[in-house]
Amino acid sequence: MSARILFITDGSPSSMAAAETAIEFASFKNAILHVVFILDQGWRNLLGDE
């Protein structure tokens, strides 16, 4: 059975640092790495004065 890792990211700086760790871990374990990118557009119309 092959190992699998699911990594979910939003592209933030902290998630990019976590991505490096996920890549290293997947390489170390010879695992399949699946990545899901979350694009949150719910905030795009907020101006900040609501």
PDB file of N, CA and C in Angstrom:
ATOM      1  N   MET A   1       0.842  -1.174   0.000  1.00  0.00           N
ATOM      2  CA  MET A   1       0.000   0.000   0.000  1.00  0.00           C
ATOM      3  C   MET A   1       0.891   1.243   0.000  1.00  0.00           C
ATOM      4  N   SER A   2       0.637   2.139  -0.914  1.00  0.00           N
ATOM      5  CA  SER A   2       1.448   3.357  -0.982  1.00  0.00           C
ATOM      6  C   SER A   2       0.850   4.432  -0.068  1.00  0.00           C
ATOM      7  N   ALA A   3       1.739   5.209   0.526  1.00  0.00           N
ATOM      8  CA  ALA A   3       1.307   6.297   1.403  1.00  0.00           C
ATOM      9  C   ALA A   3       0.790   7.453   0.571  1.00  0.00           C
ATOM     10  N   ARG A   4      -0.178   8.151   1.123  1.00  0.00           N
ATOM     11  CA  ARG A   4      -0.747   9.318   0.449  1.00  0.00           C
ATOM     12  C   ARG A   4      -0.841  10.460   1.440  1.00  0.00           C
ATOM     13  N   ILE A   5      -0.564  11.651   0.960  1.00  0.00           N
ATOM     14  CA  ILE A   5      -0.654  12.848   1.781  1.00  0.00           C
ATOM     15  C   ILE A   5      -1.550  13.837   1.060  1.00  0.00           C
ATOM     16  N   LEU A   6      -2.490  14.412   1.794  1.00  0.00           N
ATOM     17  CA  LEU A   6      -3.356  15.452   1.257  1.00  0.00           C
ATOM     18  C   LEU A   6      -2.944  16.770   1.890  1.00  0.00           C
ATOM     19  N   PHE A   7      -2.549  17.709   1.065  1.00  0.00           N
ATOM     20  CA  PHE A   7      -2.144  19.032   1.535  1.00  0.00           C
ATOM     21  C   PHE A   7      -3.125  20.050   0.983  1.00  0.00           C
ATOM     22  N   ILE A   8      -3.712  20.844   1.880  1.00  0.00           N
ATOM     23  CA  ILE A   8      -4.678  21.869   1.485  1.00  0.00           C
ATOM     24  C   ILE A   8      -4.054  23.226   1.740  1.00  0.00           C
ATOM     25  N   THR A   9      -4.100  24.110   0.747  1.00  0.00           N
ATOM     26  CA  THR A   9      -3.434  25.400   0.857  1.00  0.00           C
ATOM     27  C   THR A   9      -4.317  26.525   0.324  1.00  0.00           C
ATOM     28  N   ASP A  10      -4.034  27.720   0.815  1.00  0.00           N
ATOM     29  CA  ASP A  10      -4.695  28.912   0.286  1.00  0.00           C
ATOM     30  C   ASP A  10      -3.681  29.871  -0.323  1.00  0.00           C
ATOM     31  N   GLY A  11      -2.426  29.468  -0.369  1.00  0.00           N
ATOM     32  CA  GLY A  11      -1.388  30.296  -0.965  1.00  0.00           C
ATOM     33  C   GLY A  11      -0.790  31.334  -0.031  1.00  0.00           C
ATOM     34  N   SER A  12      -1.208  31.336   1.225  1.00  0.00           N
ATOM     35  CA  SER A  12      -0.667  32.298   2.187  1.00  0.00           C
ATOM     36  C   SER A  12       0.788  31.959   2.499  1.00  0.00           C
ATOM     37  N   PRO A  13       1.544  32.912   3.014  1.00  0.00           N
ATOM     38  CA  PRO A  13       2.950  32.636   3.337  1.00  0.00           C
ATOM     39  C   PRO A  13       3.136  31.467   4.296  1.00  0.00           C
ATOM     40  N   SER A  14       2.270  31.358   5.302  1.00  0.00           N
ATOM     41  CA  SER A  14       2.410  30.247   6.244  1.00  0.00           C
ATOM     42  C   SER A  14       2.090  28.906   5.589  1.00  0.00           C
ATOM     43  N   SER A  15       1.127  28.878   4.685  1.00  0.00           N
ATOM     44  CA  SER A  15       0.814  27.621   4.010  1.00  0.00           C
ATOM     45  C   SER A  15       1.905  27.233   3.014  1.00  0.00           C
ATOM     46  N   MET A  16       2.608  28.226   2.470  1.00  0.00           N
ATOM     47  CA  MET A  16       3.716  27.914   1.567  1.00  0.00           C
ATOM     48  C   MET A  16       4.876  27.279   2.336  1.00  0.00           C
ATOM     49  N   ALA A  17       5.093  27.732   3.574  1.00  0.00           N
ATOM     50  CA  ALA A  17       6.113  27.108   4.414  1.00  0.00           C
ATOM     51  C   ALA A  17       5.703  25.679   4.751  1.00  0.00           C
ATOM     52  N   ALA A  18       4.425  25.476   5.012  1.00  0.00           N
ATOM     53  CA  ALA A  18       3.923  24.133   5.292  1.00  0.00           C
ATOM     54  C   ALA A  18       4.029  23.238   4.051  1.00  0.00           C
ATOM     55  N   ALA A  19       3.891  23.833   2.875  1.00  0.00           N
ATOM     56  CA  ALA A  19       4.007  23.067   1.629  1.00  0.00           C
ATOM     57  C   ALA A  19       5.402  22.483   1.482  1.00  0.00           C
ATOM     58  N   GLU A  20       6.413  23.260   1.844  1.00  0.00           N
ATOM     59  CA  GLU A  20       7.787  22.751   1.776  1.00  0.00           C
ATOM     60  C   GLU A  20       7.951  21.533   2.674  1.00  0.00           C
ATOM     61  N   THR A  21       7.360  21.589   3.864  1.00  0.00           N
ATOM     62  CA  THR A  21       7.422  20.459   4.784  1.00  0.00           C
ATOM     63  C   THR A  21       6.684  19.261   4.212  1.00  0.00           C
ATOM     64  N   ALA A  22       5.516  19.490   3.625  1.00  0.00           N
ATOM     65  CA  ALA A  22       4.738  18.401   3.033  1.00  0.00           C
ATOM     66  C   ALA A  22       5.503  17.741   1.887  1.00  0.00           C
ATOM     67  N   ILE A  23       6.168  18.533   1.075  1.00  0.00           N
ATOM     68  CA  ILE A  23       6.948  17.996  -0.044  1.00  0.00           C
ATOM     69  C   ILE A  23       8.114  17.160   0.475  1.00  0.00           C
ATOM     70  N   GLU A  24       8.808  17.683   1.471  1.00  0.00           N
ATOM     71  CA  GLU A  24       9.931  16.939   2.049  1.00  0.00           C
ATOM     72  C   GLU A  24       9.464  15.626   2.677  1.00  0.00           C
ATOM     73  N   PHE A  25       8.356  15.682   3.408  1.00  0.00           N
ATOM     74  CA  PHE A  25       7.832  14.485   4.065  1.00  0.00           C
ATOM     75  C   PHE A  25       7.382  13.447   3.041  1.00  0.00           C
ATOM     76  N   ALA A  26       6.707  13.900   1.984  1.00  0.00           N
ATOM     77  CA  ALA A  26       6.263  12.979   0.940  1.00  0.00           C
ATOM     78  C   ALA A  26       7.457  12.329   0.256  1.00  0.00           C
ATOM     79  N   SER A  27       8.495  13.110   0.035  1.00  0.00           N
ATOM     80  CA  SER A  27       9.703  12.567  -0.577  1.00  0.00           C
ATOM     81  C   SER A  27      10.367  11.544   0.337  1.00  0.00           C
ATOM     82  N   PHE A  28      10.451  11.860   1.635  1.00  0.00           N
ATOM     83  CA  PHE A  28      11.068  10.968   2.617  1.00  0.00           C
ATOM     84  C   PHE A  28      10.306   9.649   2.722  1.00  0.00           C
ATOM     85  N   LYS A  29       8.979   9.724   2.701  1.00  0.00           N
ATOM     86  CA  LYS A  29       8.133   8.533   2.832  1.00  0.00           C
ATOM     87  C   LYS A  29       7.812   7.883   1.486  1.00  0.00           C
ATOM     88  N   ASN A  30       8.304   8.474   0.392  1.00  0.00           N
ATOM     89  CA  ASN A  30       7.983   7.994  -0.952  1.00  0.00           C
ATOM     90  C   ASN A  30       6.469   7.916  -1.129  1.00  0.00           C
ATOM     91  N   ALA A  31       5.798   8.988  -0.721  1.00  0.00           N
ATOM     92  CA  ALA A  31       4.337   9.038  -0.728  1.00  0.00           C
ATOM     93  C   ALA A  31       3.831   9.866  -1.894  1.00  0.00           C
ATOM     94  N   ILE A  32       2.595   9.614  -2.239  1.00  0.00           N
ATOM     95  CA  ILE A  32       1.904  10.422  -3.249  1.00  0.00           C
ATOM     96  C   ILE A  32       1.367  11.663  -2.549  1.00  0.00           C
ATOM     97  N   LEU A  33       1.664  12.827  -3.109  1.00  0.00           N
ATOM     98  CA  LEU A  33       1.221  14.094  -2.516  1.00  0.00           C
ATOM     99  C   LEU A  33       0.118  14.687  -3.382  1.00  0.00           C
ATOM    100  N   HIS A  34      -1.054  14.842  -2.782  1.00  0.00           N
ATOM    101  CA  HIS A  34      -2.179  15.496  -3.447  1.00  0.00           C
ATOM    102  C   HIS A  34      -2.313  16.887  -2.848  1.00  0.00           C
ATOM    103  N   VAL A  35      -2.518  17.892  -3.694  1.00  0.00           N
ATOM    104  CA  VAL A  35      -2.629  19.271  -3.225  1.00  0.00           C
ATOM    105  C   VAL A  35      -3.967  19.837  -3.681  1.00  0.00           C
ATOM    106  N   VAL A  36      -4.662  20.469  -2.730  1.00  0.00           N
ATOM    107  CA  VAL A  36      -5.917  21.158  -3.026  1.00  0.00           C
ATOM    108  C   VAL A  36      -5.697  22.636  -2.722  1.00  0.00           C
ATOM    109  N   PHE A  37      -5.960  23.478  -3.694  1.00  0.00           N
ATOM    110  CA  PHE A  37      -5.811  24.924  -3.517  1.00  0.00           C
ATOM    111  C   PHE A  37      -7.190  25.525  -3.292  1.00  0.00           C
ATOM    112  N   ILE A  38      -7.357  26.218  -2.174  1.00  0.00           N
ATOM    113  CA  ILE A  38      -8.626  26.849  -1.830  1.00  0.00           C
ATOM    114  C   ILE A  38      -8.569  28.308  -2.254  1.00  0.00           C
ATOM    115  N   LEU A  39      -9.487  28.696  -3.083  1.00  0.00           N
ATOM    116  CA  LEU A  39      -9.588  30.084  -3.528  1.00  0.00           C
ATOM    117  C   LEU A  39     -10.847  30.667  -2.913  1.00  0.00           C
ATOM    118  N   ASP A  40     -10.674  31.459  -1.866  1.00  0.00           N
ATOM    119  CA  ASP A  40     -11.796  32.050  -1.150  1.00  0.00           C
ATOM    120  C   ASP A  40     -12.115  33.412  -1.754  1.00  0.00           C
ATOM    121  N   GLN A  41     -13.173  33.463  -2.529  1.00  0.00           N
ATOM    122  CA  GLN A  41     -13.562  34.730  -3.151  1.00  0.00           C
ATOM    123  C   GLN A  41     -14.663  35.424  -2.370  1.00  0.00           C
ATOM    124  N   GLY A  42     -15.017  34.882  -1.212  1.00  0.00           N
ATOM    125  CA  GLY A  42     -16.065  35.484  -0.407  1.00  0.00           C
ATOM    126  C   GLY A  42     -15.698  36.843   0.141  1.00  0.00           C
ATOM    127  N   TRP A  43     -14.412  37.147   0.226  1.00  0.00           N
ATOM    128  CA  TRP A  43     -13.945  38.409   0.773  1.00  0.00           C
ATOM    129  C   TRP A  43     -13.660  39.457  -0.294  1.00  0.00           C
ATOM    130  N   ARG A  44     -13.733  39.115  -1.545  1.00  0.00           N
ATOM    131  CA  ARG A  44     -13.266  40.035  -2.597  1.00  0.00           C
ATOM    132  C   ARG A  44     -14.087  41.315  -2.706  1.00  0.00           C
ATOM    133  N   ASN A  45     -15.354  41.301  -2.291  1.00  0.00           N
ATOM    134  CA  ASN A  45     -16.187  42.498  -2.423  1.00  0.00           C
ATOM    135  C   ASN A  45     -16.257  43.330  -1.143  1.00  0.00           C
ATOM    136  N   LEU A  46     -15.557  42.918  -0.104  1.00  0.00           N
ATOM    137  CA  LEU A  46     -15.561  43.679   1.143  1.00  0.00           C
ATOM    138  C   LEU A  46     -14.555  44.814   1.053  1.00  0.00           C
ATOM    139  N   LEU A  47     -14.966  45.969   1.496  1.00  0.00           N
ATOM    140  CA  LEU A  47     -14.106  47.154   1.433  1.00  0.00           C
ATOM    141  C   LEU A  47     -13.367  47.403   2.736  1.00  0.00           C
ATOM    142  N   GLY A  48     -13.836  46.799   3.823  1.00  0.00           N
ATOM    143  CA  GLY A  48     -13.207  46.987   5.112  1.00  0.00           C
ATOM    144  C   GLY A  48     -13.946  47.951   6.021  1.00  0.00           C
ATOM    145  N   ASP A  49     -14.966  48.610   5.487  1.00  0.00           N
ATOM    146  CA  ASP A  49     -15.729  49.560   6.315  1.00  0.00           C
ATOM    147  C   ASP A  49     -17.130  49.044   6.615  1.00  0.00           C
ATOM    148  N   GLU A  50     -17.349  47.747   6.392  1.00  0.00           N
ATOM    149  CA  GLU A  50     -18.662  47.179   6.651  1.00  0.00           C
ATOM    150  C   GLU A  50     -18.867  47.155   8.120  1.00  0.00           C
TER     151      GLU A  50
END
